[in-house]
Structures are given as C-alpha cells and as structure tokens.
Amino acid sequence: MRGVEKVSVALTPEMVATVRKAVDAGEYGSASEVMREAMRDWMLRRAQRHEAVAQIGRLWDEGVASGPSVDGEEAFERIRGGLDRRMKSRRS
C-alpha cells in the first residue's frame, strides 16, 4: 500500500482478540483495516470534541457580552409577576 507507514501498536489481549474476531468474521480484510477505521473514528471524535470546546467558548463569550448576570429566581419571579398582571388585566 503506497503512502502507508508501518507502526507497532501494543494492545491488550482482549483488544487483540476483538480485532482477530472481526477479521475472522470477514468484517475486515486485515487487522490493519480495523486499526485504520479505529483511527478514523478517533480523529473524527477528536475533531468533534475540538469543535464542541470552541462552541462552548463562543457561547461563553456571547453570555459575557450580553451584560451582567441576573439571579435566576429573581428573573423567574419577575416573569411570574408579569404573567400574573396580564392574567388579571384580561379578567377585568
């Protein structure tokens, strides 16, 4: 295979058994195919994790830029009070 570098990887006996079982079952043509798929999955998860961290940072910055924080209970009380006033004015 062109453009491929061979490396040695140490796996637990359970991991080796799982790889061999997948190859023996015909799910993969070789242990190398199993490892390449595992690496692709790992790289995808790593990229997704990186994007999630970046998204959290953007949301954090957006929250900070939105102004000072407000106590949640106080905010809900104001909302409930406003709703109560609306309900009373509709009844009148």
Foldseek 3Di string as FASTA:
>chain_A
DPPDDDDDDDDDPVVVVVLVVCCVVVVDVHSVVVVVVVVVVVVVVVVVVVVVVVVVVVVVVVVVVVDDDDDPVVVVVVVVVVVVVVVVVVVD
